[in-house]
Amino acid sequence: MPKSCRAPHCSNAAGQARPPARRLSFYKFPLQDAARLRQWLAQMRRENWVPTRHQHLCSDHFEPSCFQYRWGVRYLRPDAVPTIFS
């Protein structure tokens, strides 16, 4: 099953054609960090929803400062919280 973003009103999915400057990546919900998960869900305005380990948010919902780069690979910072939602 392809990865797709679980943010409300977001239809991004893995394999969609995008320009190189707008590359898309997917990040799992922090299920092992209850405090951070609450922050993610509050930002999404979905406090009563429980994500599974197979659900993701796409990089479009994170500020550029939420990422770090190593060897040309983009990683989500351990304290990152998504803030960009329509």
N, C-alpha and C. Protein backbone atom coordinates (compact mmCIF):
# COMPACT_ATOMS: atom_id res chain seq x y z
N MET A 1 0.84 -1.18 0.00
CA MET A 1 0.00 0.00 0.00
C MET A 1 0.89 1.25 0.00
N PRO A 2 0.68 2.17 -0.94
CA PRO A 2 1.54 3.35 -1.02
C PRO A 2 1.29 4.30 0.16
N LYS A 3 2.31 5.05 0.49
CA LYS A 3 2.19 6.04 1.58
C LYS A 3 1.33 7.18 1.10
N SER A 4 0.48 7.66 1.99
CA SER A 4 -0.31 8.85 1.71
C SER A 4 -0.39 9.67 2.99
N CYS A 5 -0.58 10.96 2.83
CA CYS A 5 -0.62 11.86 3.97
C CYS A 5 -1.98 11.78 4.65
N ARG A 6 -1.98 11.74 5.98
CA ARG A 6 -3.21 11.63 6.76
C ARG A 6 -3.70 12.97 7.28
N ALA A 7 -3.07 14.06 6.88
CA ALA A 7 -3.53 15.38 7.30
C ALA A 7 -4.88 15.69 6.64
N PRO A 8 -5.76 16.36 7.36
CA PRO A 8 -7.05 16.73 6.77
C PRO A 8 -6.85 17.56 5.50
N HIS A 9 -7.59 17.24 4.48
CA HIS A 9 -7.60 17.98 3.21
C HIS A 9 -6.28 17.89 2.44
N CYS A 10 -5.45 16.91 2.72
CA CYS A 10 -4.19 16.73 1.99
C CYS A 10 -4.29 15.45 1.17
N SER A 11 -4.00 15.55 -0.10
CA SER A 11 -4.10 14.38 -0.98
C SER A 11 -2.74 13.91 -1.47
N ASN A 12 -1.66 14.33 -0.82
CA ASN A 12 -0.32 13.92 -1.24
C ASN A 12 -0.12 12.42 -1.00
N ALA A 13 0.51 11.78 -1.97
CA ALA A 13 0.80 10.35 -1.87
C ALA A 13 2.15 10.08 -2.53
N ALA A 14 2.79 9.03 -2.08
CA ALA A 14 4.07 8.65 -2.66
C ALA A 14 3.87 8.28 -4.13
N GLY A 15 4.82 8.66 -4.94
CA GLY A 15 4.76 8.34 -6.36
C GLY A 15 4.14 9.41 -7.23
N GLN A 16 3.62 10.48 -6.63
CA GLN A 16 3.05 11.56 -7.42
C GLN A 16 4.18 12.35 -8.07
N ALA A 17 3.95 12.80 -9.28
CA ALA A 17 4.94 13.61 -9.98
C ALA A 17 5.00 15.00 -9.35
N ARG A 18 6.21 15.44 -9.03
CA ARG A 18 6.43 16.75 -8.43
C ARG A 18 7.73 17.31 -8.97
N PRO A 19 7.85 18.63 -9.04
CA PRO A 19 9.13 19.21 -9.47
C PRO A 19 10.23 18.89 -8.44
N PRO A 20 11.47 18.76 -8.88
CA PRO A 20 12.57 18.41 -7.97
C PRO A 20 12.70 19.37 -6.77
N ALA A 21 12.38 20.64 -6.98
CA ALA A 21 12.50 21.61 -5.89
C ALA A 21 11.42 21.41 -4.83
N ARG A 22 10.39 20.65 -5.12
CA ARG A 22 9.30 20.42 -4.18
C ARG A 22 9.20 18.95 -3.82
N ARG A 23 10.33 18.34 -3.55
CA ARG A 23 10.31 16.92 -3.25
C ARG A 23 9.50 16.64 -1.99
N LEU A 24 8.91 15.50 -1.96
CA LEU A 24 7.98 15.13 -0.90
C LEU A 24 8.54 13.95 -0.13
N SER A 25 8.43 14.00 1.18
CA SER A 25 8.82 12.86 2.01
C SER A 25 7.73 12.65 3.06
N PHE A 26 7.71 11.46 3.62
CA PHE A 26 6.67 11.08 4.57
C PHE A 26 7.28 10.69 5.90
N TYR A 27 6.60 11.04 6.99
CA TYR A 27 7.11 10.80 8.33
C TYR A 27 6.03 10.15 9.18
N LYS A 28 6.45 9.12 9.93
CA LYS A 28 5.52 8.41 10.79
C LYS A 28 5.16 9.28 11.99
N PHE A 29 4.00 9.03 12.55
CA PHE A 29 3.58 9.72 13.76
C PHE A 29 4.44 9.23 14.93
N PRO A 30 4.77 10.11 15.87
CA PRO A 30 5.63 9.73 17.01
C PRO A 30 4.84 8.94 18.07
N LEU A 31 4.48 7.74 17.75
CA LEU A 31 3.61 6.93 18.62
C LEU A 31 4.27 6.60 19.95
N GLN A 32 5.59 6.57 20.00
CA GLN A 32 6.29 6.22 21.24
C GLN A 32 6.53 7.43 22.14
N ASP A 33 6.18 8.62 21.67
CA ASP A 33 6.37 9.86 22.43
C ASP A 33 5.01 10.52 22.61
N ALA A 34 4.33 10.20 23.71
CA ALA A 34 2.94 10.64 23.91
C ALA A 34 2.80 12.16 23.90
N ALA A 35 3.73 12.87 24.51
CA ALA A 35 3.63 14.33 24.56
C ALA A 35 3.75 14.93 23.16
N ARG A 36 4.70 14.45 22.39
CA ARG A 36 4.88 14.96 21.03
C ARG A 36 3.72 14.57 20.14
N LEU A 37 3.19 13.36 20.30
CA LEU A 37 2.03 12.93 19.52
C LEU A 37 0.84 13.84 19.80
N ARG A 38 0.63 14.21 21.06
CA ARG A 38 -0.46 15.14 21.40
C ARG A 38 -0.27 16.47 20.69
N GLN A 39 0.98 16.95 20.59
CA GLN A 39 1.25 18.20 19.88
C GLN A 39 0.90 18.07 18.40
N TRP A 40 1.30 16.97 17.79
CA TRP A 40 1.01 16.75 16.37
C TRP A 40 -0.51 16.75 16.15
N LEU A 41 -1.23 16.00 16.96
CA LEU A 41 -2.68 15.89 16.79
C LEU A 41 -3.38 17.20 17.07
N ALA A 42 -2.90 17.97 18.05
CA ALA A 42 -3.49 19.27 18.34
C ALA A 42 -3.30 20.21 17.16
N GLN A 43 -2.12 20.20 16.55
CA GLN A 43 -1.87 21.05 15.38
C GLN A 43 -2.76 20.65 14.20
N MET A 44 -3.03 19.36 14.11
CA MET A 44 -3.90 18.85 13.03
C MET A 44 -5.37 19.08 13.33
N ARG A 45 -5.67 19.48 14.58
CA ARG A 45 -7.05 19.63 15.08
C ARG A 45 -7.79 18.28 15.02
N ARG A 46 -7.07 17.23 15.46
CA ARG A 46 -7.65 15.88 15.48
C ARG A 46 -7.28 15.19 16.80
N GLU A 47 -7.56 15.86 17.92
CA GLU A 47 -7.17 15.37 19.24
C GLU A 47 -7.76 14.01 19.58
N ASN A 48 -8.92 13.69 19.06
CA ASN A 48 -9.59 12.43 19.41
C ASN A 48 -9.32 11.30 18.42
N TRP A 49 -8.43 11.52 17.49
CA TRP A 49 -8.09 10.52 16.49
C TRP A 49 -6.78 9.84 16.90
N VAL A 50 -6.68 8.54 16.69
CA VAL A 50 -5.46 7.80 17.05
C VAL A 50 -4.86 7.21 15.78
N PRO A 51 -3.68 7.69 15.38
CA PRO A 51 -3.03 7.15 14.17
C PRO A 51 -2.45 5.76 14.44
N THR A 52 -2.27 5.01 13.37
CA THR A 52 -1.63 3.71 13.48
C THR A 52 -0.17 3.84 13.06
N ARG A 53 0.58 2.78 13.23
CA ARG A 53 2.00 2.82 12.88
C ARG A 53 2.22 2.86 11.37
N HIS A 54 1.16 2.67 10.60
CA HIS A 54 1.29 2.66 9.14
C HIS A 54 0.85 3.99 8.51
N GLN A 55 0.54 4.98 9.32
CA GLN A 55 0.07 6.26 8.79
C GLN A 55 1.17 7.32 8.91
N HIS A 56 1.12 8.28 7.99
CA HIS A 56 2.19 9.27 7.86
C HIS A 56 1.66 10.68 7.66
N LEU A 57 2.53 11.65 7.88
CA LEU A 57 2.30 13.03 7.47
C LEU A 57 3.37 13.35 6.43
N CYS A 58 3.02 14.17 5.46
CA CYS A 58 4.00 14.54 4.43
C CYS A 58 4.78 15.78 4.85
N SER A 59 5.88 15.98 4.18
CA SER A 59 6.79 17.09 4.49
C SER A 59 6.17 18.46 4.25
N ASP A 60 5.09 18.54 3.50
CA ASP A 60 4.44 19.84 3.25
C ASP A 60 3.89 20.47 4.53
N HIS A 61 3.75 19.70 5.60
CA HIS A 61 3.15 20.21 6.84
C HIS A 61 4.18 20.64 7.87
N PHE A 62 5.45 20.64 7.48
CA PHE A 62 6.53 21.02 8.39
C PHE A 62 7.27 22.23 7.86
N GLU A 63 7.66 23.13 8.75
CA GLU A 63 8.48 24.30 8.39
C GLU A 63 9.87 23.81 7.98
N PRO A 64 10.58 24.58 7.16
CA PRO A 64 11.95 24.19 6.78
C PRO A 64 12.86 23.98 8.00
N SER A 65 12.62 24.69 9.07
CA SER A 65 13.46 24.55 10.27
C SER A 65 13.26 23.21 10.98
N CYS A 66 12.26 22.44 10.59
CA CYS A 66 11.99 21.14 11.20
C CYS A 66 12.89 20.04 10.63
N PHE A 67 13.67 20.37 9.62
CA PHE A 67 14.50 19.37 8.95
C PHE A 67 15.97 19.59 9.21
N GLN A 68 16.70 18.50 9.19
CA GLN A 68 18.16 18.55 9.20
C GLN A 68 18.64 17.70 8.04
N TYR A 69 19.81 18.03 7.52
CA TYR A 69 20.34 17.33 6.36
C TYR A 69 21.67 16.68 6.72
N ARG A 70 21.80 15.42 6.33
CA ARG A 70 23.05 14.69 6.50
C ARG A 70 23.32 13.91 5.23
N TRP A 71 24.49 14.14 4.67
CA TRP A 71 24.90 13.44 3.45
C TRP A 71 23.86 13.59 2.33
N GLY A 72 23.24 14.76 2.27
CA GLY A 72 22.26 15.03 1.22
C GLY A 72 20.89 14.42 1.47
N VAL A 73 20.67 13.85 2.65
CA VAL A 73 19.38 13.24 2.97
C VAL A 73 18.67 14.12 3.99
N ARG A 74 17.39 14.35 3.78
CA ARG A 74 16.59 15.18 4.68
C ARG A 74 15.97 14.30 5.76
N TYR A 75 16.20 14.70 7.01
CA TYR A 75 15.63 14.01 8.17
C TYR A 75 14.78 14.98 8.96
N LEU A 76 13.75 14.45 9.59
CA LEU A 76 12.92 15.25 10.47
C LEU A 76 13.61 15.36 11.82
N ARG A 77 13.71 16.55 12.36
CA ARG A 77 14.33 16.75 13.67
C ARG A 77 13.51 16.01 14.74
N PRO A 78 14.15 15.50 15.76
CA PRO A 78 13.44 14.73 16.79
C PRO A 78 12.38 15.54 17.55
N ASP A 79 12.49 16.86 17.56
CA ASP A 79 11.52 17.69 18.27
C ASP A 79 10.54 18.40 17.32
N ALA A 80 10.53 18.02 16.05
CA ALA A 80 9.70 18.69 15.05
C ALA A 80 8.21 18.47 15.30
N VAL A 81 7.44 19.52 15.08
CA VAL A 81 5.99 19.46 15.19
C VAL A 81 5.41 20.09 13.93
N PRO A 82 4.48 19.43 13.26
CA PRO A 82 3.89 20.02 12.05
C PRO A 82 3.03 21.23 12.40
N THR A 83 3.13 22.27 11.58
CA THR A 83 2.37 23.50 11.85
C THR A 83 1.64 24.03 10.61
N ILE A 84 1.86 23.45 9.45
CA ILE A 84 1.29 23.99 8.21
C ILE A 84 0.09 23.13 7.79
N PHE A 85 -1.10 23.68 8.01
CA PHE A 85 -2.33 22.99 7.63
C PHE A 85 -3.28 24.01 7.04
N SER A 86 -4.06 23.60 6.05
CA SER A 86 -4.99 24.55 5.41
C SER A 86 -6.27 24.67 6.21
